[in-house]
Protein backbone atom coordinates (compact mmCIF):
# COMPACT_ATOMS: atom_id res chain seq x y z
CA MET A 1 33.12 26.43 -3.32
CA SER A 2 31.07 28.81 -5.45
CA VAL A 3 28.47 28.21 -8.14
CA TYR A 4 29.28 29.59 -11.61
CA LEU A 5 26.97 30.14 -14.58
CA TYR A 6 28.46 29.44 -17.98
CA SER A 7 27.67 29.41 -21.68
CA ALA A 8 29.80 27.30 -23.99
CA ILE A 9 29.99 25.77 -27.45
CA GLU A 10 30.46 22.06 -28.04
CA ILE A 11 33.57 21.83 -30.21
CA LEU A 12 32.43 18.90 -32.36
CA THR A 13 28.81 19.90 -32.99
CA GLN A 14 29.06 23.69 -32.47
CA LYS A 15 25.99 23.41 -30.26
CA LYS A 16 25.41 26.18 -27.67
CA ILE A 17 25.13 24.97 -24.08
CA LYS A 18 24.24 26.82 -20.87
CA GLY A 19 24.50 25.54 -17.34
CA GLU A 20 25.96 25.94 -13.88
CA MET A 21 28.85 24.28 -12.07
CA GLU A 22 30.43 24.28 -8.62
CA SER A 23 34.11 25.17 -8.57
CA GLU A 24 36.80 26.94 -6.54
CA SER A 25 37.35 29.53 -9.29
CA GLU A 26 36.52 30.55 -12.86
CA GLU A 27 39.73 28.85 -13.97
CA GLY A 28 38.41 25.59 -12.50
CA VAL A 29 35.20 25.91 -14.51
CA TRP A 30 37.19 26.72 -17.67
CA GLN A 31 39.36 23.64 -17.20
CA ALA A 32 36.39 21.35 -16.45
CA LEU A 33 34.58 22.51 -19.58
CA ALA A 34 37.68 22.09 -21.72
CA GLU A 35 37.99 18.48 -20.53
CA LYS A 36 34.47 17.87 -21.84
CA ASN A 37 35.31 19.32 -25.29
CA LEU A 38 33.38 22.51 -24.54
CA TYR A 39 34.66 25.96 -25.46
CA PRO A 40 33.56 28.47 -22.77
CA LYS A 41 32.17 31.79 -24.06
CA LYS A 42 31.10 33.33 -20.77
CA ILE A 43 31.61 32.38 -17.11
CA ARG A 44 30.41 34.32 -14.06
CA GLU A 45 29.65 33.63 -10.45
CA LYS A 46 25.99 33.00 -9.61
CA ARG A 47 24.45 35.80 -7.55
CA ILE A 48 21.32 35.92 -5.36
CA LEU A 49 19.43 37.78 -8.11
CA ASP A 50 20.02 34.81 -10.40
CA GLN A 51 17.92 32.59 -8.14
CA GLU A 52 14.38 31.87 -9.29
CA ILE A 53 11.76 33.29 -6.95
CA ILE A 54 8.92 30.77 -6.85
CA LEU A 55 6.05 31.11 -4.37
CA PHE A 56 4.17 28.02 -5.51
CA LYS A 57 6.32 25.56 -7.41
CA PRO A 58 4.40 24.15 -10.39
CA LYS A 59 3.71 20.44 -10.13
CA VAL A 60 4.50 17.92 -12.83
CA GLU A 61 1.70 15.35 -12.88
CA ILE A 62 2.28 11.60 -12.90
CA LYS A 63 0.59 11.27 -16.31
CA GLN A 64 3.15 13.72 -17.76
CA ILE A 65 6.08 11.80 -16.27
CA HIS A 66 4.55 8.54 -17.52
CA PHE A 67 4.26 10.00 -21.03
CA PHE A 68 7.88 11.21 -20.89
CA CYS A 69 9.19 7.80 -19.75
CA LYS A 70 7.33 6.02 -22.58
CA GLN A 71 8.89 8.39 -25.12
CA LEU A 72 12.35 8.10 -23.59
CA ILE A 73 12.40 4.29 -23.51
CA ALA A 74 11.18 4.08 -27.12
CA LEU A 75 14.07 6.29 -28.27
CA ILE A 76 16.69 4.49 -26.14
CA GLN A 77 15.56 1.07 -27.41
CA ALA A 78 15.81 2.46 -30.95
CA GLY A 79 19.55 2.96 -30.32
CA ILE A 80 19.49 6.73 -29.74
CA SER A 81 21.84 8.09 -27.08
CA VAL A 82 20.38 9.54 -23.87
CA PRO A 83 21.40 13.18 -24.63
CA LYS A 84 19.89 13.00 -28.13
CA ALA A 85 16.79 11.21 -26.78
CA LEU A 86 16.28 14.00 -24.26
CA GLU A 87 16.51 16.61 -27.00
CA ILE A 88 13.85 14.78 -29.04
CA CYS A 89 11.60 14.33 -25.99
CA LYS A 90 11.92 18.02 -25.16
CA GLU A 91 10.68 18.96 -28.61
CA GLN A 92 7.78 16.49 -28.64
CA ILE A 93 6.48 16.89 -25.06
CA PRO A 94 3.21 18.90 -25.14
CA TYR A 95 3.45 19.93 -21.48
CA LYS A 96 5.00 23.39 -21.06
CA MET A 97 6.32 22.99 -17.51
CA LEU A 98 7.79 19.53 -18.13
CA LYS A 99 9.41 20.85 -21.32
CA LYS A 100 11.15 23.50 -19.19
CA TYR A 101 12.56 20.88 -16.81
CA LEU A 102 13.63 18.62 -19.68
CA ASP A 103 15.52 21.52 -21.21
CA ARG A 104 17.52 21.88 -17.98
CA ILE A 105 18.08 18.13 -17.73
CA SER A 106 19.25 17.99 -21.34
CA GLN A 107 21.79 20.77 -20.72
CA GLU A 108 23.13 19.12 -17.57
CA VAL A 109 23.44 15.70 -19.24
CA SER A 110 25.26 17.32 -22.17
CA SER A 111 27.64 18.96 -19.71
CA GLY A 112 28.57 15.60 -18.16
CA LYS A 113 26.02 14.75 -15.50
CA THR A 114 24.21 11.42 -15.47
CA LEU A 115 20.49 11.32 -16.23
CA SER A 116 19.61 10.45 -12.61
CA GLU A 117 21.74 13.31 -11.24
CA ALA A 118 20.13 15.79 -13.63
CA MET A 119 16.61 14.59 -12.79
CA LYS A 120 17.26 14.65 -9.05
CA ALA A 121 18.46 18.27 -9.24
CA GLN A 122 15.07 19.39 -10.62
CA LYS A 123 13.20 18.01 -7.56
CA VAL A 124 9.98 17.34 -9.49
CA PHE A 125 10.41 13.67 -10.39
CA PRO A 126 9.43 10.86 -7.97
CA ASP A 127 12.33 9.60 -5.83
CA LEU A 128 11.52 6.05 -6.92
CA LEU A 129 11.99 6.92 -10.60
CA VAL A 130 15.25 8.79 -9.95
CA ASN A 131 16.65 5.94 -7.83
CA LEU A 132 15.62 3.33 -10.40
CA ILE A 133 17.34 5.23 -13.20
CA ALA A 134 20.48 5.53 -11.04
CA CYS A 135 20.44 1.75 -10.51
CA GLY A 136 19.87 1.19 -14.22
CA GLU A 137 22.81 3.44 -15.11
CA SER A 138 25.13 1.63 -12.72
CA SER A 139 24.01 -1.85 -13.80
CA GLY A 140 23.74 -1.13 -17.53
CA LYS A 141 20.02 -2.03 -17.52
CA LEU A 142 18.56 1.43 -18.01
CA ASP A 143 15.92 0.30 -20.51
CA GLU A 144 14.71 -2.49 -18.19
CA VAL A 145 14.30 -0.29 -15.13
CA ILE A 146 12.53 2.45 -17.12
CA ASN A 147 10.08 -0.19 -18.36
CA HIS A 148 9.48 -1.22 -14.74
CA ALA A 149 8.93 2.44 -13.85
CA ILE A 150 6.44 2.85 -16.72
CA GLU A 151 4.42 -0.12 -15.43
CA HIS A 152 4.44 1.28 -11.90
CA LEU A 153 3.42 4.80 -12.98
CA GLY A 154 0.70 3.33 -15.17
CA TYR A 155 -0.67 1.43 -12.18
CA GLN A 156 -0.69 4.61 -10.07
CA LEU A 157 -2.59 6.43 -12.83
CA GLU A 158 -5.23 3.69 -12.98
CA ILE A 159 -5.83 3.84 -9.22
CA GLN A 160 -5.99 7.65 -9.28
CA LYS A 161 -8.56 7.59 -12.10
CA LYS A 162 -10.77 5.10 -10.26
CA VAL A 163 -10.63 7.00 -6.96
CA LYS A 164 -11.37 10.32 -8.71
CA LYS A 165 -14.25 8.71 -10.56
CA ALA A 166 -15.68 7.39 -7.30
CA LEU A 167 -15.37 10.78 -5.57
CA PHE A 168 -16.57 12.96 -8.45
CA TYR A 169 -20.29 12.20 -8.17
CA PRO A 170 -20.68 12.71 -4.38
CA THR A 171 -18.52 15.85 -4.51
CA VAL A 172 -20.69 17.44 -7.21
CA VAL A 173 -23.92 16.40 -5.47
CA MET A 174 -22.84 17.72 -2.05
CA ALA A 175 -21.71 21.01 -3.61
CA PHE A 176 -25.11 21.32 -5.29
CA VAL A 177 -26.91 20.51 -2.01
CA LEU A 178 -24.82 23.09 -0.13
CA VAL A 179 -25.73 25.81 -2.65
CA VAL A 180 -29.43 24.89 -2.54
CA VAL A 181 -29.48 24.86 1.29
CA ILE A 182 -27.80 28.27 1.49
CA ILE A 183 -30.29 29.76 -0.99
CA LEU A 184 -33.22 28.26 0.93
CA MET A 185 -31.94 29.47 4.29
CA VAL A 186 -30.91 32.97 3.22
CA LYS A 187 -33.54 33.85 0.59
CA VAL A 188 -36.60 31.59 0.87
CA VAL A 189 -37.00 30.90 4.59
CA PRO A 190 -36.99 34.59 5.74
CA VAL A 191 -39.75 35.50 3.23
CA TYR A 192 -41.89 32.53 4.15
CA ILE A 193 -41.44 33.03 7.90
CA GLY A 194 -42.43 36.68 7.49
CA LEU A 195 -45.74 35.54 6.01
CA LEU A 196 -46.24 33.05 8.85
CA ASN A 197 -45.62 35.75 11.46
CA GLU A 198 -48.37 37.88 9.90
CA THR A 199 -50.86 35.05 10.32
CA GLY A 200 -49.86 34.52 13.94
CA ALA A 201 -49.74 30.75 13.49
CA SER A 202 -47.91 28.73 16.13
CA LEU A 203 -44.60 27.27 14.94
CA PRO A 204 -43.56 23.64 15.58
CA LEU A 205 -40.08 22.80 16.92
CA ALA A 206 -38.69 21.78 13.50
CA THR A 207 -39.70 25.13 12.02
CA LYS A 208 -38.17 27.04 14.94
CA VAL A 209 -34.88 25.18 14.45
CA VAL A 210 -34.84 26.06 10.73
CA ILE A 211 -35.58 29.71 11.58
CA GLN A 212 -32.69 29.84 14.07
CA ILE A 213 -30.30 28.35 11.51
CA SER A 214 -31.54 30.81 8.87
CA ASN A 215 -31.06 33.80 11.20
CA PHE A 216 -27.60 32.59 12.16
CA LEU A 217 -26.51 32.22 8.50
CA ILE A 218 -27.88 35.67 7.59
CA GLU A 219 -26.15 37.36 10.53
CA TYR A 220 -22.93 35.40 10.81
CA GLY A 221 -22.64 33.68 7.41
CA GLY A 222 -19.67 35.79 6.32
CA VAL A 223 -17.81 35.15 9.56
CA LEU A 224 -18.62 31.42 9.37
CA PHE A 225 -17.29 31.28 5.80
CA LEU A 226 -14.02 32.95 6.85
CA VAL A 227 -13.67 30.59 9.82
CA ILE A 228 -14.19 27.54 7.59
CA VAL A 229 -11.73 28.79 4.96
CA GLY A 230 -9.20 29.67 7.66
CA SER A 231 -9.61 26.28 9.33
CA VAL A 232 -9.16 24.41 6.04
CA PHE A 233 -6.10 26.51 5.14
CA THR A 234 -4.58 25.93 8.60
CA PHE A 235 -5.24 22.21 8.40
CA LEU A 236 -3.63 21.97 4.97
CA LYS A 237 -0.60 23.82 6.34
CA ILE A 238 -0.09 21.64 9.41
CA LYS A 239 -1.26 18.25 8.11
CA SER A 240 2.18 17.49 6.62
CA ARG A 241 3.83 17.79 10.05
CA PRO A 242 4.74 14.28 11.31
CA PRO A 243 2.42 14.04 14.37
CA ILE A 244 -0.62 15.51 12.56
CA HIS A 245 0.09 13.54 9.38
CA TRP A 246 0.27 10.28 11.35
CA ILE A 247 -2.98 10.99 13.23
CA VAL A 248 -4.87 11.91 10.04
CA ASP A 249 -3.61 8.86 8.14
CA ARG A 250 -4.45 6.58 11.07
CA MET A 251 -7.99 7.99 11.15
CA LYS A 252 -8.32 7.32 7.42
CA ILE A 253 -7.25 3.69 7.91
CA LYS A 254 -9.75 3.23 10.77
CA THR A 255 -12.65 4.70 8.75
CA PRO A 256 -15.10 2.00 7.55
CA LEU A 257 -14.99 1.22 3.81
CA VAL A 258 -12.52 4.03 3.08
CA GLY A 259 -9.95 2.39 5.37
CA LYS A 260 -10.31 -0.91 3.51
CA VAL A 261 -9.70 0.78 0.16
CA ILE A 262 -6.60 2.53 1.56
CA LYS A 263 -5.20 -0.71 3.02
CA GLN A 264 -5.74 -2.65 -0.21
CA SER A 265 -4.24 0.19 -2.27
CA LEU A 266 -1.17 0.37 -0.01
CA SER A 267 -0.77 -3.41 -0.22
CA ALA A 268 -0.98 -3.24 -4.02
CA THR A 269 1.58 -0.42 -4.19
CA PHE A 270 3.92 -2.19 -1.74
CA SER A 271 3.73 -5.53 -3.58
CA SER A 272 4.16 -4.18 -7.11
CA THR A 273 6.94 -1.77 -6.13
CA MET A 274 8.92 -4.35 -4.12
CA SER A 275 8.56 -6.87 -6.96
CA MET A 276 9.81 -4.35 -9.49
CA LEU A 277 12.79 -3.33 -7.34
CA ILE A 278 13.84 -6.89 -6.47
CA GLN A 279 13.62 -7.88 -10.15
CA SER A 280 15.89 -4.92 -10.93
CA GLY A 281 18.58 -6.40 -8.67
CA ILE A 282 18.18 -3.97 -5.76
CA SER A 283 18.92 -5.25 -2.25
CA MET A 284 16.09 -5.87 0.23
CA ILE A 285 17.02 -2.96 2.52
CA GLN A 286 17.34 -0.51 -0.37
CA ALA A 287 14.10 -1.79 -1.92
CA MET A 288 12.28 -1.26 1.39
CA GLU A 289 13.69 2.26 1.70
CA MET A 290 12.60 3.16 -1.82
CA THR A 291 9.16 1.59 -1.40
CA LYS A 292 8.66 3.53 1.84
CA SER A 293 9.12 6.78 -0.06
CA VAL A 294 6.23 6.06 -2.46
CA LEU A 295 3.57 4.74 -0.08
CA GLY A 296 2.40 8.23 0.90
CA ASN A 297 0.86 7.12 4.20
CA ALA A 298 2.50 8.07 7.51
CA VAL A 299 1.33 4.92 9.30
CA ALA A 300 2.64 2.69 6.51
CA LYS A 301 5.96 4.58 6.44
CA LYS A 302 6.40 4.10 10.20
CA GLU A 303 5.70 0.38 9.86
CA MET A 304 8.21 0.19 7.01
CA GLU A 305 10.87 1.91 9.13
CA GLU A 306 10.29 -0.59 11.93
CA ALA A 307 10.42 -3.46 9.43
CA ILE A 308 13.68 -2.18 7.95
CA ALA A 309 15.22 -2.10 11.45
CA CYS A 310 14.11 -5.71 12.00
CA ILE A 311 15.54 -6.84 8.64
CA ARG A 312 18.88 -5.22 9.54
CA GLN A 313 18.87 -7.44 12.64
CA GLY A 314 18.47 -10.55 10.49
CA GLU A 315 14.69 -11.11 10.47
CA SER A 316 12.82 -12.21 7.37
CA LEU A 317 10.51 -9.82 5.52
CA MET A 318 7.44 -11.73 6.70
CA ASP A 319 8.50 -11.56 10.37
CA ALA A 320 9.49 -7.90 10.02
CA LEU A 321 5.97 -7.01 8.81
CA SER A 322 4.11 -9.38 11.13
CA LYS A 323 2.90 -6.58 13.46
CA SER A 324 1.55 -4.43 10.62
CA MET A 325 -1.99 -3.05 10.91
CA ILE A 326 -2.10 -2.40 7.16
CA PHE A 327 -0.77 -5.51 5.44
CA SER A 328 -3.14 -8.49 5.68
CA SER A 329 -2.29 -12.03 6.76
CA ILE A 330 -2.70 -13.32 3.21
CA LEU A 331 0.04 -10.98 2.00
CA LEU A 332 2.35 -11.92 4.89
CA ASN A 333 1.80 -15.65 4.32
CA MET A 334 2.51 -15.30 0.60
CA ILE A 335 5.67 -13.33 1.37
CA GLY A 336 6.76 -16.19 3.64
CA ILE A 337 6.14 -18.70 0.84
CA GLY A 338 8.10 -16.54 -1.59
CA GLU A 339 11.05 -16.23 0.80
CA GLU A 340 11.16 -20.00 1.39
CA SER A 341 10.94 -20.85 -2.30
CA GLY A 342 13.26 -18.08 -3.52
CA THR A 343 10.53 -16.59 -5.73
CA LEU A 344 9.72 -13.52 -3.65
CA ASP A 345 9.68 -11.18 -6.66
CA GLU A 346 7.19 -13.38 -8.55
CA VAL A 347 4.96 -13.82 -5.48
CA LEU A 348 4.92 -10.08 -4.82
CA ASN A 349 4.08 -9.43 -8.47
CA HIS A 350 1.08 -11.78 -8.23
CA MET A 351 -0.01 -10.18 -4.96
CA GLY A 352 0.25 -6.74 -6.55
CA ILE A 353 -2.12 -7.89 -9.31
CA TYR A 354 -4.46 -9.46 -6.74
CA PHE A 355 -4.69 -6.35 -4.55
CA LYS A 356 -5.05 -4.13 -7.59
CA GLY A 357 -8.09 -6.21 -8.58
CA GLU A 358 -9.45 -5.93 -5.03
CA VAL A 359 -9.11 -2.14 -5.10
CA GLU A 360 -10.92 -1.98 -8.44
CA ARG A 361 -13.70 -4.27 -7.14
CA ILE A 362 -14.21 -2.28 -3.92
CA VAL A 363 -14.16 1.08 -5.73
CA ASP A 364 -16.67 -0.20 -8.32
CA ASN A 365 -18.97 -1.45 -5.54
CA LEU A 366 -18.68 1.85 -3.68
CA THR A 367 -19.50 3.74 -6.87
CA MET A 368 -22.68 1.66 -7.23
CA LEU A 369 -23.64 2.29 -3.59
CA ILE A 370 -22.88 6.00 -3.59
CA GLU A 371 -25.71 7.01 -5.95
CA PRO A 372 -28.64 5.65 -3.85
CA ILE A 373 -26.97 6.85 -0.63
CA MET A 374 -26.57 10.37 -2.04
CA ILE A 375 -30.21 10.39 -3.17
CA VAL A 376 -31.32 9.54 0.36
CA ILE A 377 -29.04 12.21 1.88
CA VAL A 378 -30.28 14.89 -0.54
CA ALA A 379 -33.91 13.93 0.14
CA MET A 380 -33.36 14.07 3.91
CA ILE A 381 -31.63 17.47 3.88
CA ILE A 382 -33.72 19.39 1.36
CA GLY A 383 -36.91 17.50 2.11
CA GLY A 384 -36.45 18.13 5.83
CA ILE A 385 -36.02 21.86 5.32
CA MET A 386 -39.04 22.09 3.02
CA ALA A 387 -41.15 20.02 5.44
CA ALA A 388 -40.20 22.29 8.33
CA ILE A 389 -41.16 25.34 6.29
CA MET A 390 -44.48 23.92 5.07
CA LEU A 391 -45.53 22.29 8.36
CA PRO A 392 -47.11 25.46 9.88
CA THR A 393 -49.19 25.99 6.73
CA PHE A 394 -50.56 22.47 6.87
CA SER A 395 -51.23 22.85 10.59
CA ALA A 396 -53.11 26.13 10.01
CA ALA A 397 -55.09 24.54 7.16
CA MET A 398 -56.04 21.57 9.31
CA ALA A 399 -57.05 23.89 12.17
CA ALA A 400 -59.24 25.93 9.81
CA MET A 401 -61.09 22.79 8.72
């Protein structure tokens, strides 16, 4: 089959529509359009030159998707059809890139595709959202599942904001310290050491170490910078490969404090997502598969795959997750209670709220601890360098007395 580009006019509304369609021939495209009350104006086979050449595909942020979903559900609940709602959203969305994707989605929905099919084709929307909309379309509960998706996306945004807030201060401080250290080592230390050499004063070990570091940075600083940039770029390239990804994520989980935040965050995401999916009428296996795709941690995904295999063999969710190194005993015990009482979705919803609160509490505590820790680190680094520089002067002054 070939892919054909077409432009057509909707017979009833006289609206111009462009799109693409797979078919055996142009006649097949013509017939398919006619069946949808579209009058074809131009049809031609898609060529290689028609493909978009994109080196770095622009990313649509979660906050933009969240904003779009809130607009879409408001219009649908007001009784507006999905195609018309998409047209309105496209006009009101302030985000240029998302507007471009919504234009394509709107055209494909107008040409007969479902909303989930059109969104999936763009490959910028989360799999969870696309799968939820597909379930909502098949069950006739589109507004309910979009509301669930809005809650889930809103939760993700809250966690992202808190983590970014916690990391912002130490990142800025360490960047400032790095700049100050480089200036001291490259500009200040050589001048000061030149003066010390003229006096012929003996240099203590700390000062000699600082001098060696200064000389190294002056001579090999450019090479060191390139090596660091190259190493970071290489790491970013290979970290998504399964073995490396798993090792890195396992190291994160094992890291003190940070690992606890990650575990609690994964537990919150797992609980809230599973609760939302089960409430939407999705089967346990399918819910586990969809939840696995949004966890974003290789270790958690592997544990989910093993749990899914156990559930297929007839085990309960609690037993399937019993060997997890991420999910705590309190979560597993509550899952067991929910399975026995038939209220698993409600229990998971409560656990999602609980773990969300735990993440917020830990992040807030870390934010409070970071400031004094960073002050101590800055004092040790810059103070140590300045002490090493000034030590020979004090020694010479004491000797002169």
